[in-house]
């Protein structure tokens, strides 16, 4: 399987995982947020904070991997320019997707705040 097909399959797999996660059970607000976490209590183990933390870590790891591969090509330690460029594009697409999710969450929050009680 060539590199582009592999990247496409990887992205399709991630999209399927996101779809399955979105179709999961609805969580109550009390399970997502813990007011005691704001007052020095223990932070919630599950919820948005953990999910976004894992996503941030994964995207950061992708950027570091792409940077390392690019640096290896620049220094002459590797001749896999195509692999470095593919990793760079994967990191870029992941970051762009994260920004789109952030924008959607922000607009949803603003819409909720504008809703009259």
PDB file of N, CA and C in Angstrom:
ATOM      1  N   UNK A   1       0.846  -1.167   0.000  1.00  0.00           N
ATOM      2  CA  UNK A   1       0.000   0.000   0.000  1.00  0.00           C
ATOM      3  C   UNK A   1       0.898   1.238   0.000  1.00  0.00           C
ATOM      4  N   UNK A   2       0.591   2.185  -0.891  1.00  0.00           N
ATOM      5  CA  UNK A   2       1.446   3.365  -0.956  1.00  0.00           C
ATOM      6  C   UNK A   2       1.136   4.323   0.189  1.00  0.00           C
ATOM      7  N   UNK A   3       1.962   5.324   0.350  1.00  0.00           N
ATOM      8  CA  UNK A   3       1.881   6.233   1.491  1.00  0.00           C
ATOM      9  C   UNK A   3       0.590   7.023   1.518  1.00  0.00           C
ATOM     10  N   UNK A   4       0.143   7.518   0.375  1.00  0.00           N
ATOM     11  CA  UNK A   4      -1.069   8.332   0.336  1.00  0.00           C
ATOM     12  C   UNK A   4      -2.280   7.501   0.716  1.00  0.00           C
ATOM     13  N   UNK A   5      -2.361   6.289   0.221  1.00  0.00           N
ATOM     14  CA  UNK A   5      -3.460   5.408   0.579  1.00  0.00           C
ATOM     15  C   UNK A   5      -3.437   5.098   2.070  1.00  0.00           C
ATOM     16  N   UNK A   6      -2.264   4.911   2.609  1.00  0.00           N
ATOM     17  CA  UNK A   6      -2.133   4.635   4.036  1.00  0.00           C
ATOM     18  C   UNK A   6      -2.601   5.830   4.863  1.00  0.00           C
ATOM     19  N   UNK A   7      -2.245   7.032   4.458  1.00  0.00           N
ATOM     20  CA  UNK A   7      -2.679   8.246   5.161  1.00  0.00           C
ATOM     21  C   UNK A   7      -4.194   8.379   5.078  1.00  0.00           C
ATOM     22  N   UNK A   8      -4.750   8.121   3.893  1.00  0.00           N
ATOM     23  CA  UNK A   8      -6.200   8.202   3.733  1.00  0.00           C
ATOM     24  C   UNK A   8      -6.901   7.193   4.633  1.00  0.00           C
ATOM     25  N   UNK A   9      -6.380   5.977   4.695  1.00  0.00           N
ATOM     26  CA  UNK A   9      -6.986   4.957   5.549  1.00  0.00           C
ATOM     27  C   UNK A   9      -6.886   5.351   7.016  1.00  0.00           C
ATOM     28  N   UNK A  10      -5.758   5.938   7.405  1.00  0.00           N
ATOM     29  CA  UNK A  10      -5.576   6.396   8.779  1.00  0.00           C
ATOM     30  C   UNK A  10      -6.587   7.479   9.127  1.00  0.00           C
ATOM     31  N   UNK A  11      -6.755   8.451   8.231  1.00  0.00           N
ATOM     32  CA  UNK A  11      -7.713   9.530   8.476  1.00  0.00           C
ATOM     33  C   UNK A  11      -9.150   9.006   8.507  1.00  0.00           C
ATOM     34  N   UNK A  12      -9.470   8.066   7.618  1.00  0.00           N
ATOM     35  CA  UNK A  12     -10.806   7.483   7.634  1.00  0.00           C
ATOM     36  C   UNK A  12     -11.065   6.721   8.931  1.00  0.00           C
ATOM     37  N   UNK A  13     -10.035   6.034   9.421  1.00  0.00           N
ATOM     38  CA  UNK A  13     -10.175   5.328  10.697  1.00  0.00           C
ATOM     39  C   UNK A  13     -10.421   6.286  11.843  1.00  0.00           C
ATOM     40  N   UNK A  14      -9.699   7.402  11.848  1.00  0.00           N
ATOM     41  CA  UNK A  14      -9.902   8.402  12.900  1.00  0.00           C
ATOM     42  C   UNK A  14     -11.284   9.019  12.827  1.00  0.00           C
ATOM     43  N   UNK A  15     -11.741   9.292  11.598  1.00  0.00           N
ATOM     44  CA  UNK A  15     -13.079   9.856  11.441  1.00  0.00           C
ATOM     45  C   UNK A  15     -14.139   8.879  11.930  1.00  0.00           C
ATOM     46  N   UNK A  16     -13.942   7.605  11.670  1.00  0.00           N
ATOM     47  CA  UNK A  16     -14.885   6.590  12.149  1.00  0.00           C
ATOM     48  C   UNK A  16     -14.893   6.534  13.673  1.00  0.00           C
ATOM     49  N   UNK A  17     -13.720   6.652  14.300  1.00  0.00           N
ATOM     50  CA  UNK A  17     -13.647   6.672  15.753  1.00  0.00           C
ATOM     51  C   UNK A  17     -14.379   7.880  16.316  1.00  0.00           C
ATOM     52  N   UNK A  18     -14.209   9.041  15.676  1.00  0.00           N
ATOM     53  CA  UNK A  18     -14.902  10.246  16.131  1.00  0.00           C
ATOM     54  C   UNK A  18     -16.407  10.090  15.986  1.00  0.00           C
ATOM     55  N   UNK A  19     -16.833   9.483  14.882  1.00  0.00           N
ATOM     56  CA  UNK A  19     -18.258   9.264  14.648  1.00  0.00           C
ATOM     57  C   UNK A  19     -18.835   8.352  15.715  1.00  0.00           C
ATOM     58  N   UNK A  20     -18.123   7.272  16.036  1.00  0.00           N
ATOM     59  CA  UNK A  20     -18.594   6.355  17.062  1.00  0.00           C
ATOM     60  C   UNK A  20     -18.640   7.034  18.425  1.00  0.00           C
ATOM     61  N   UNK A  21     -17.660   7.889  18.701  1.00  0.00           N
ATOM     62  CA  UNK A  21     -17.651   8.618  19.961  1.00  0.00           C
ATOM     63  C   UNK A  21     -18.805   9.596  20.054  1.00  0.00           C
ATOM     64  N   UNK A  22     -19.156  10.216  18.920  1.00  0.00           N
ATOM     65  CA  UNK A  22     -20.261  11.172  18.902  1.00  0.00           C
ATOM     66  C   UNK A  22     -21.601  10.470  19.062  1.00  0.00           C
ATOM     67  N   UNK A  23     -21.698   9.219  18.640  1.00  0.00           N
ATOM     68  CA  UNK A  23     -22.945   8.481  18.735  1.00  0.00           C
ATOM     69  C   UNK A  23     -23.103   7.771  20.071  1.00  0.00           C
ATOM     70  N   UNK A  24     -22.134   7.934  20.948  1.00  0.00           N
ATOM     71  CA  UNK A  24     -22.170   7.275  22.254  1.00  0.00           C
ATOM     72  C   UNK A  24     -23.263   7.858  23.142  1.00  0.00           C
ATOM     73  N   UNK A  25     -23.352   7.363  24.362  1.00  0.00           N
ATOM     74  CA  UNK A  25     -24.388   7.840  25.271  1.00  0.00           C
ATOM     75  C   UNK A  25     -24.161   9.298  25.663  1.00  0.00           C
ATOM     76  N   UNK A  26     -25.249   9.978  25.921  1.00  0.00           N
ATOM     77  CA  UNK A  26     -25.185  11.367  26.347  1.00  0.00           C
ATOM     78  C   UNK A  26     -24.747  11.398  27.805  1.00  0.00           C
ATOM     79  N   UNK A  27     -23.775  12.231  28.098  1.00  0.00           N
ATOM     80  CA  UNK A  27     -23.271  12.340  29.459  1.00  0.00           C
ATOM     81  C   UNK A  27     -23.982  13.464  30.184  1.00  0.00           C
ATOM     82  N   UNK A  28     -24.243  13.274  31.431  1.00  0.00           N
ATOM     83  CA  UNK A  28     -24.821  14.326  32.259  1.00  0.00           C
ATOM     84  C   UNK A  28     -23.748  15.353  32.574  1.00  0.00           C
ATOM     85  N   UNK A  29     -24.155  16.582  32.779  1.00  0.00           N
ATOM     86  CA  UNK A  29     -23.196  17.642  33.083  1.00  0.00           C
ATOM     87  C   UNK A  29     -22.423  17.342  34.358  1.00  0.00           C
ATOM     88  N   UNK A  30     -23.053  16.676  35.306  1.00  0.00           N
ATOM     89  CA  UNK A  30     -22.368  16.388  36.567  1.00  0.00           C
ATOM     90  C   UNK A  30     -21.207  15.423  36.374  1.00  0.00           C
ATOM     91  N   UNK A  31     -21.244  14.614  35.318  1.00  0.00           N
ATOM     92  CA  UNK A  31     -20.128  13.698  35.074  1.00  0.00           C
ATOM     93  C   UNK A  31     -19.007  14.366  34.300  1.00  0.00           C
ATOM     94  N   UNK A  32     -19.326  15.479  33.622  1.00  0.00           N
ATOM     95  CA  UNK A  32     -18.310  16.166  32.835  1.00  0.00           C
ATOM     96  C   UNK A  32     -17.551  17.200  33.651  1.00  0.00           C
ATOM     97  N   UNK A  33     -18.267  17.886  34.513  1.00  0.00           N
ATOM     98  CA  UNK A  33     -17.655  18.961  35.280  1.00  0.00           C
ATOM     99  C   UNK A  33     -17.850  18.697  36.760  1.00  0.00           C
ATOM    100  N   UNK A  34     -16.865  19.043  37.524  1.00  0.00           N
ATOM    101  CA  UNK A  34     -16.927  18.876  38.967  1.00  0.00           C
ATOM    102  C   UNK A  34     -16.596  20.214  39.592  1.00  0.00           C
ATOM    103  N   UNK A  35     -17.571  20.833  40.237  1.00  0.00           N
ATOM    104  CA  UNK A  35     -17.352  22.156  40.824  1.00  0.00           C
ATOM    105  C   UNK A  35     -16.254  22.118  41.871  1.00  0.00           C
ATOM    106  N   UNK A  36     -16.085  20.966  42.538  1.00  0.00           N
ATOM    107  CA  UNK A  36     -15.038  20.901  43.553  1.00  0.00           C
ATOM    108  C   UNK A  36     -13.656  20.986  42.916  1.00  0.00           C
ATOM    109  N   UNK A  37     -13.538  20.644  41.615  1.00  0.00           N
ATOM    110  CA  UNK A  37     -12.265  20.755  40.922  1.00  0.00           C
ATOM    111  C   UNK A  37     -11.819  22.198  40.792  1.00  0.00           C
ATOM    112  N   UNK A  38     -12.801  23.115  40.790  1.00  0.00           N
ATOM    113  CA  UNK A  38     -12.459  24.523  40.696  1.00  0.00           C
ATOM    114  C   UNK A  38     -12.006  25.089  42.032  1.00  0.00           C
ATOM    115  N   UNK A  39     -12.367  24.435  43.108  1.00  0.00           N
ATOM    116  CA  UNK A  39     -12.050  24.937  44.442  1.00  0.00           C
ATOM    117  C   UNK A  39     -10.925  24.156  45.089  1.00  0.00           C
ATOM    118  N   UNK A  40     -10.106  23.516  44.324  1.00  0.00           N
ATOM    119  CA  UNK A  40      -8.975  22.788  44.873  1.00  0.00           C
ATOM    120  C   UNK A  40      -9.254  21.314  45.112  1.00  0.00           C
ATOM    121  N   UNK A  41     -10.446  20.845  44.758  1.00  0.00           N
ATOM    122  CA  UNK A  41     -10.768  19.427  44.915  1.00  0.00           C
ATOM    123  C   UNK A  41     -10.123  18.615  43.809  1.00  0.00           C
ATOM    124  N   UNK A  42     -10.476  17.350  43.726  1.00  0.00           N
ATOM    125  CA  UNK A  42      -9.906  16.500  42.682  1.00  0.00           C
ATOM    126  C   UNK A  42     -10.565  16.805  41.349  1.00  0.00           C
ATOM    127  N   UNK A  43      -9.790  16.744  40.297  1.00  0.00           N
ATOM    128  CA  UNK A  43     -10.295  17.008  38.956  1.00  0.00           C
ATOM    129  C   UNK A  43     -11.079  15.797  38.474  1.00  0.00           C
ATOM    130  N   UNK A  44     -12.073  16.001  37.603  1.00  0.00           N
ATOM    131  CA  UNK A  44     -12.833  14.870  37.090  1.00  0.00           C
ATOM    132  C   UNK A  44     -11.946  13.946  36.275  1.00  0.00           C
ATOM    133  N   UNK A  45     -12.210  12.657  36.359  1.00  0.00           N
ATOM    134  CA  UNK A  45     -11.378  11.684  35.652  1.00  0.00           C
ATOM    135  C   UNK A  45     -11.778  11.554  34.190  1.00  0.00           C
ATOM    136  N   UNK A  46     -13.035  11.801  33.884  1.00  0.00           N
ATOM    137  CA  UNK A  46     -13.527  11.690  32.522  1.00  0.00           C
ATOM    138  C   UNK A  46     -14.146  13.013  32.120  1.00  0.00           C
ATOM    139  N   UNK A  47     -14.312  13.216  30.847  1.00  0.00           N
ATOM    140  CA  UNK A  47     -14.982  14.410  30.378  1.00  0.00           C
ATOM    141  C   UNK A  47     -14.188  15.148  29.338  1.00  0.00           C
ATOM    142  N   UNK A  48     -14.602  16.383  29.109  1.00  0.00           N
ATOM    143  CA  UNK A  48     -13.980  17.188  28.073  1.00  0.00           C
ATOM    144  C   UNK A  48     -12.512  17.452  28.354  1.00  0.00           C
ATOM    145  N   UNK A  49     -12.199  17.718  29.602  1.00  0.00           N
ATOM    146  CA  UNK A  49     -10.810  18.049  29.949  1.00  0.00           C
ATOM    147  C   UNK A  49      -9.882  16.895  29.563  1.00  0.00           C
ATOM    148  N   UNK A  50     -10.245  15.689  29.922  1.00  0.00           N
ATOM    149  CA  UNK A  50      -9.417  14.530  29.618  1.00  0.00           C
ATOM    150  C   UNK A  50      -9.368  14.273  28.114  1.00  0.00           C
ATOM    151  N   UNK A  51     -10.524  14.364  27.465  1.00  0.00           N
ATOM    152  CA  UNK A  51     -10.581  14.108  26.022  1.00  0.00           C
ATOM    153  C   UNK A  51      -9.724  15.108  25.257  1.00  0.00           C
ATOM    154  N   UNK A  52      -9.882  16.383  25.566  1.00  0.00           N
ATOM    155  CA  UNK A  52      -9.091  17.381  24.863  1.00  0.00           C
ATOM    156  C   UNK A  52      -7.619  17.288  25.235  1.00  0.00           C
ATOM    157  N   UNK A  53      -7.322  16.923  26.472  1.00  0.00           N
ATOM    158  CA  UNK A  53      -5.925  16.740  26.864  1.00  0.00           C
ATOM    159  C   UNK A  53      -5.255  15.647  26.053  1.00  0.00           C
ATOM    160  N   UNK A  54      -5.969  14.549  25.840  1.00  0.00           N
ATOM    161  CA  UNK A  54      -5.429  13.450  25.039  1.00  0.00           C
ATOM    162  C   UNK A  54      -5.242  13.876  23.580  1.00  0.00           C
ATOM    163  N   UNK A  55      -6.198  14.644  23.079  1.00  0.00           N
ATOM    164  CA  UNK A  55      -6.105  15.108  21.697  1.00  0.00           C
ATOM    165  C   UNK A  55      -4.925  16.060  21.543  1.00  0.00           C
ATOM    166  N   UNK A  56      -4.781  16.995  22.485  1.00  0.00           N
ATOM    167  CA  UNK A  56      -3.651  17.932  22.424  1.00  0.00           C
ATOM    168  C   UNK A  56      -2.325  17.187  22.455  1.00  0.00           C
ATOM    169  N   UNK A  57      -2.229  16.181  23.311  1.00  0.00           N
ATOM    170  CA  UNK A  57      -1.000  15.399  23.419  1.00  0.00           C
ATOM    171  C   UNK A  57      -0.701  14.666  22.104  1.00  0.00           C
ATOM    172  N   UNK A  58      -1.730  14.069  21.514  1.00  0.00           N
ATOM    173  CA  UNK A  58      -1.538  13.335  20.256  1.00  0.00           C
ATOM    174  C   UNK A  58      -1.091  14.270  19.137  1.00  0.00           C
ATOM    175  N   UNK A  59      -1.704  15.442  19.046  1.00  0.00           N
ATOM    176  CA  UNK A  59      -1.335  16.389  17.997  1.00  0.00           C
ATOM    177  C   UNK A  59       0.069  16.934  18.237  1.00  0.00           C
ATOM    178  N   UNK A  60       0.401  17.191  19.490  1.00  0.00           N
ATOM    179  CA  UNK A  60       1.748  17.650  19.822  1.00  0.00           C
ATOM    180  C   UNK A  60       2.781  16.590  19.447  1.00  0.00           C
ATOM    181  N   UNK A  61       2.466  15.325  19.725  1.00  0.00           N
ATOM    182  CA  UNK A  61       3.383  14.236  19.359  1.00  0.00           C
ATOM    183  C   UNK A  61       3.562  14.147  17.850  1.00  0.00           C
ATOM    184  N   UNK A  62       2.469  14.360  17.102  1.00  0.00           N
ATOM    185  CA  UNK A  62       2.578  14.342  15.645  1.00  0.00           C
ATOM    186  C   UNK A  62       3.495  15.456  15.155  1.00  0.00           C
ATOM    187  N   UNK A  63       3.354  16.649  15.748  1.00  0.00           N
ATOM    188  CA  UNK A  63       4.204  17.769  15.336  1.00  0.00           C
ATOM    189  C   UNK A  63       5.679  17.507  15.671  1.00  0.00           C
ATOM    190  N   UNK A  64       5.931  16.915  16.835  1.00  0.00           N
ATOM    191  CA  UNK A  64       7.308  16.589  17.196  1.00  0.00           C
ATOM    192  C   UNK A  64       7.895  15.533  16.264  1.00  0.00           C
ATOM    193  N   UNK A  65       7.080  14.529  15.914  1.00  0.00           N
ATOM    194  CA  UNK A  65       7.545  13.477  15.006  1.00  0.00           C
ATOM    195  C   UNK A  65       7.851  14.070  13.626  1.00  0.00           C
ATOM    196  N   UNK A  66       6.962  14.936  13.137  1.00  0.00           N
ATOM    197  CA  UNK A  66       7.189  15.569  11.834  1.00  0.00           C
ATOM    198  C   UNK A  66       8.436  16.441  11.874  1.00  0.00           C
ATOM    199  N   UNK A  67       8.627  17.162  12.975  1.00  0.00           N
ATOM    200  CA  UNK A  67       9.818  18.004  13.115  1.00  0.00           C
ATOM    201  C   UNK A  67      11.092  17.186  13.142  1.00  0.00           C
ATOM    202  N   UNK A  68      11.057  16.065  13.831  1.00  0.00           N
ATOM    203  CA  UNK A  68      12.236  15.202  13.912  1.00  0.00           C
ATOM    204  C   UNK A  68      12.573  14.608  12.544  1.00  0.00           C
ATOM    205  N   UNK A  69      11.551  14.178  11.813  1.00  0.00           N
ATOM    206  CA  UNK A  69      11.797  13.621  10.483  1.00  0.00           C
ATOM    207  C   UNK A  69      12.331  14.692   9.527  1.00  0.00           C
ATOM    208  N   UNK A  70      11.781  15.888   9.611  1.00  0.00           N
ATOM    209  CA  UNK A  70      12.249  16.983   8.767  1.00  0.00           C
ATOM    210  C   UNK A  70      13.690  17.346   9.110  1.00  0.00           C
ATOM    211  N   UNK A  71      14.008  17.383  10.404  1.00  0.00           N
ATOM    212  CA  UNK A  71      15.375  17.693  10.825  1.00  0.00           C
ATOM    213  C   UNK A  71      16.346  16.612  10.356  1.00  0.00           C
ATOM    214  N   UNK A  72      15.902  15.356  10.378  1.00  0.00           N
ATOM    215  CA  UNK A  72      16.757  14.265   9.916  1.00  0.00           C
ATOM    216  C   UNK A  72      17.035  14.392   8.423  1.00  0.00           C
ATOM    217  N   UNK A  73      16.024  14.793   7.653  1.00  0.00           N
ATOM    218  CA  UNK A  73      16.224  14.987   6.212  1.00  0.00           C
ATOM    219  C   UNK A  73      17.140  16.184   5.977  1.00  0.00           C
ATOM    220  N   UNK A  74      16.933  17.260   6.732  1.00  0.00           N
ATOM    221  CA  UNK A  74      17.769  18.460   6.571  1.00  0.00           C
ATOM    222  C   UNK A  74      19.233  18.192   6.886  1.00  0.00           C
ATOM    223  N   UNK A  75      19.476  17.379   7.911  1.00  0.00           N
ATOM    224  CA  UNK A  75      20.860  17.124   8.311  1.00  0.00           C
ATOM    225  C   UNK A  75      21.523  16.032   7.475  1.00  0.00           C
ATOM    226  N   UNK A  76      20.756  15.349   6.645  1.00  0.00           N
ATOM    227  CA  UNK A  76      21.313  14.301   5.807  1.00  0.00           C
ATOM    228  C   UNK A  76      21.317  12.933   6.469  1.00  0.00           C
ATOM    229  N   UNK A  77      20.765  12.835   7.672  1.00  0.00           N
ATOM    230  CA  UNK A  77      20.719  11.549   8.363  1.00  0.00           C
ATOM    231  C   UNK A  77      19.693  10.613   7.739  1.00  0.00           C
ATOM    232  N   UNK A  78      18.738  11.169   7.002  1.00  0.00           N
ATOM    233  CA  UNK A  78      17.704  10.367   6.364  1.00  0.00           C
ATOM    234  C   UNK A  78      17.464  10.910   4.967  1.00  0.00           C
ATOM    235  N   UNK A  79      17.047  10.029   4.070  1.00  0.00           N
ATOM    236  CA  UNK A  79      16.713  10.483   2.731  1.00  0.00           C
ATOM    237  C   UNK A  79      15.233  10.266   2.428  1.00  0.00           C
ATOM    238  N   UNK A  80      14.425  10.109   3.479  1.00  0.00           N
ATOM    239  CA  UNK A  80      12.992   9.873   3.328  1.00  0.00           C
ATOM    240  C   UNK A  80      12.234  11.200   3.331  1.00  0.00           C
ATOM    241  N   UNK A  81      12.414  11.973   2.283  1.00  0.00           N
ATOM    242  CA  UNK A  81      11.755  13.264   2.167  1.00  0.00           C
ATOM    243  C   UNK A  81      10.246  13.106   2.075  1.00  0.00           C
ATOM    244  N   UNK A  82       9.795  12.100   1.337  1.00  0.00           N
ATOM    245  CA  UNK A  82       8.362  11.874   1.168  1.00  0.00           C
ATOM    246  C   UNK A  82       7.719  11.556   2.520  1.00  0.00           C
ATOM    247  N   UNK A  83       8.348  10.702   3.294  1.00  0.00           N
ATOM    248  CA  UNK A  83       7.810  10.364   4.617  1.00  0.00           C
ATOM    249  C   UNK A  83       7.747  11.563   5.530  1.00  0.00           C
ATOM    250  N   UNK A  84       8.770  12.409   5.471  1.00  0.00           N
ATOM    251  CA  UNK A  84       8.781  13.617   6.294  1.00  0.00           C
ATOM    252  C   UNK A  84       7.672  14.568   5.873  1.00  0.00           C
ATOM    253  N   UNK A  85       7.461  14.708   4.584  1.00  0.00           N
ATOM    254  CA  UNK A  85       6.404  15.593   4.106  1.00  0.00           C
ATOM    255  C   UNK A  85       5.024  15.056   4.451  1.00  0.00           C
ATOM    256  N   UNK A  86       4.843  13.752   4.375  1.00  0.00           N
ATOM    257  CA  UNK A  86       3.555  13.153   4.730  1.00  0.00           C
ATOM    258  C   UNK A  86       3.267  13.367   6.217  1.00  0.00           C
ATOM    259  N   UNK A  87       4.261  13.146   7.062  1.00  0.00           N
ATOM    260  CA  UNK A  87       4.066  13.379   8.503  1.00  0.00           C
ATOM    261  C   UNK A  87       3.769  14.842   8.784  1.00  0.00           C
ATOM    262  N   UNK A  88       4.419  15.721   8.054  1.00  0.00           N
ATOM    263  CA  UNK A  88       4.167  17.149   8.217  1.00  0.00           C
ATOM    264  C   UNK A  88       2.732  17.500   7.828  1.00  0.00           C
ATOM    265  N   UNK A  89       2.256  16.931   6.744  1.00  0.00           N
ATOM    266  CA  UNK A  89       0.879  17.182   6.308  1.00  0.00           C
ATOM    267  C   UNK A  89      -0.132  16.575   7.273  1.00  0.00           C
ATOM    268  N   UNK A  90       0.162  15.389   7.802  1.00  0.00           N
ATOM    269  CA  UNK A  90      -0.728  14.775   8.788  1.00  0.00           C
ATOM    270  C   UNK A  90      -0.841  15.659  10.026  1.00  0.00           C
ATOM    271  N   UNK A  91       0.281  16.196  10.477  1.00  0.00           N
ATOM    272  CA  UNK A  91       0.270  17.080  11.638  1.00  0.00           C
ATOM    273  C   UNK A  91      -0.517  18.353  11.334  1.00  0.00           C
ATOM    274  N   UNK A  92      -0.349  18.876  10.136  1.00  0.00           N
ATOM    275  CA  UNK A  92      -1.067  20.084   9.739  1.00  0.00           C
ATOM    276  C   UNK A  92      -2.575  19.850   9.681  1.00  0.00           C
ATOM    277  N   UNK A  93      -2.984  18.729   9.106  1.00  0.00           N
ATOM    278  CA  UNK A  93      -4.410  18.406   9.015  1.00  0.00           C
ATOM    279  C   UNK A  93      -4.997  18.188  10.414  1.00  0.00           C
ATOM    280  N   UNK A  94      -4.261  17.527  11.274  1.00  0.00           N
ATOM    281  CA  UNK A  94      -4.732  17.304  12.643  1.00  0.00           C
ATOM    282  C   UNK A  94      -4.929  18.625  13.374  1.00  0.00           C
ATOM    283  N   UNK A  95      -3.980  19.534  13.228  1.00  0.00           N
ATOM    284  CA  UNK A  95      -4.088  20.830  13.881  1.00  0.00           C
ATOM    285  C   UNK A  95      -5.268  21.628  13.324  1.00  0.00           C
ATOM    286  N   UNK A  96      -5.448  21.582  12.007  1.00  0.00           N
ATOM    287  CA  UNK A  96      -6.575  22.287  11.388  1.00  0.00           C
ATOM    288  C   UNK A  96      -7.903  21.727  11.883  1.00  0.00           C
ATOM    289  N   UNK A  97      -7.986  20.405  11.996  1.00  0.00           N
ATOM    290  CA  UNK A  97      -9.211  19.789  12.508  1.00  0.00           C
ATOM    291  C   UNK A  97      -9.466  20.205  13.954  1.00  0.00           C
ATOM    292  N   UNK A  98      -8.411  20.267  14.752  1.00  0.00           N
ATOM    293  CA  UNK A  98      -8.542  20.711  16.137  1.00  0.00           C
ATOM    294  C   UNK A  98      -9.065  22.142  16.197  1.00  0.00           C
ATOM    295  N   UNK A  99      -8.572  23.007  15.331  1.00  0.00           N
ATOM    296  CA  UNK A  99      -9.042  24.391  15.322  1.00  0.00           C
ATOM    297  C   UNK A  99     -10.507  24.478  14.914  1.00  0.00           C
ATOM    298  N   UNK A 100     -10.929  23.630  13.988  1.00  0.00           N
ATOM    299  CA  UNK A 100     -12.336  23.620  13.594  1.00  0.00           C
ATOM    300  C   UNK A 100     -13.228  23.164  14.750  1.00  0.00           C
ATOM    301  N   UNK A 101     -12.786  22.151  15.478  1.00  0.00           N
ATOM    302  CA  UNK A 101     -13.553  21.682  16.639  1.00  0.00           C
ATOM    303  C   UNK A 101     -13.618  22.775  17.691  1.00  0.00           C
ATOM    304  N   UNK A 102     -12.480  23.440  17.930  1.00  0.00           N
ATOM    305  CA  UNK A 102     -12.460  24.546  18.904  1.00  0.00           C
ATOM    306  C   UNK A 102     -13.437  25.632  18.502  1.00  0.00           C
ATOM    307  N   UNK A 103     -13.461  25.983  17.222  1.00  0.00           N
ATOM    308  CA  UNK A 103     -14.372  27.021  16.745  1.00  0.00           C
ATOM    309  C   UNK A 103     -15.826  26.614  16.921  1.00  0.00           C
ATOM    310  N   UNK A 104     -16.133  25.353  16.650  1.00  0.00           N
ATOM    311  CA  UNK A 104     -17.509  24.874  16.817  1.00  0.00           C
ATOM    312  C   UNK A 104     -17.923  24.885  18.284  1.00  0.00           C
ATOM    313  N   UNK A 105     -17.037  24.449  19.159  1.00  0.00           N
ATOM    314  CA  UNK A 105     -17.348  24.439  20.593  1.00  0.00           C
ATOM    315  C   UNK A 105     -17.527  25.871  21.092  1.00  0.00           C
ATOM    316  N   UNK A 106     -16.683  26.775  20.647  1.00  0.00           N
ATOM    317  CA  UNK A 106     -16.793  28.171  21.060  1.00  0.00           C
ATOM    318  C   UNK A 106     -18.098  28.779  20.579  1.00  0.00           C
ATOM    319  N   UNK A 107     -18.462  28.531  19.326  1.00  0.00           N
ATOM    320  CA  UNK A 107     -19.723  29.087  18.814  1.00  0.00           C
ATOM    321  C   UNK A 107     -20.923  28.468  19.517  1.00  0.00           C
ATOM    322  N   UNK A 108     -20.855  27.185  19.847  1.00  0.00           N
ATOM    323  CA  UNK A 108     -21.945  26.548  20.587  1.00  0.00           C
ATOM    324  C   UNK A 108     -22.080  27.158  21.981  1.00  0.00           C
ATOM    325  N   UNK A 109     -20.959  27.395  22.633  1.00  0.00           N
ATOM    326  CA  UNK A 109     -20.984  28.013  23.958  1.00  0.00           C
ATOM    327  C   UNK A 109     -21.569  29.425  23.882  1.00  0.00           C
ATOM    328  N   UNK A 110     -21.152  30.199  22.877  1.00  0.00           N
ATOM    329  CA  UNK A 110     -21.683  31.548  22.726  1.00  0.00           C
ATOM    330  C   UNK A 110     -23.181  31.520  22.453  1.00  0.00           C
ATOM    331  N   UNK A 111     -23.640  30.543  21.676  1.00  0.00           N
ATOM    332  CA  UNK A 111     -25.074  30.411  21.398  1.00  0.00           C
ATOM    333  C   UNK A 111     -25.841  30.080  22.679  1.00  0.00           C
ATOM    334  N   UNK A 112     -25.281  29.219  23.482  1.00  0.00           N
ATOM    335  CA  UNK A 112     -25.935  28.880  24.761  1.00  0.00           C
ATOM    336  C   UNK A 112     -25.995  30.108  25.665  1.00  0.00           C
ATOM    337  N   UNK A 113     -24.935  30.892  25.685  1.00  0.00           N
ATOM    338  CA  UNK A 113     -24.905  32.080  26.540  1.00  0.00           C
ATOM    339  C   UNK A 113     -25.920  33.139  26.056  1.00  0.00           C
ATOM    340  N   UNK A 114     -26.214  33.177  24.763  1.00  0.00           N
ATOM    341  CA  UNK A 114     -27.190  34.136  24.231  1.00  0.00           C
ATOM    342  C   UNK A 114     -28.627  33.673  24.439  1.00  0.00           C
ATOM    343  N   UNK A 115     -28.819  32.404  24.745  1.00  0.00           N
ATOM    344  CA  UNK A 115     -30.166  31.875  24.898  1.00  0.00           C
ATOM    345  C   UNK A 115     -30.817  32.458  26.150  1.00  0.00           C
ATOM    346  N   UNK A 116     -32.008  33.062  26.013  1.00  0.00           N
ATOM    347  CA  UNK A 116     -32.675  33.603  27.204  1.00  0.00           C
ATOM    348  C   UNK A 116     -33.212  32.480  28.102  1.00  0.00           C
ATOM    349  N   UNK A 117     -33.229  32.754  29.359  1.00  0.00           N
ATOM    350  CA  UNK A 117     -33.729  31.747  30.311  1.00  0.00           C
ATOM    351  C   UNK A 117     -35.194  31.810  30.461  1.00  0.00           C
TER     352      UNK A 117
END
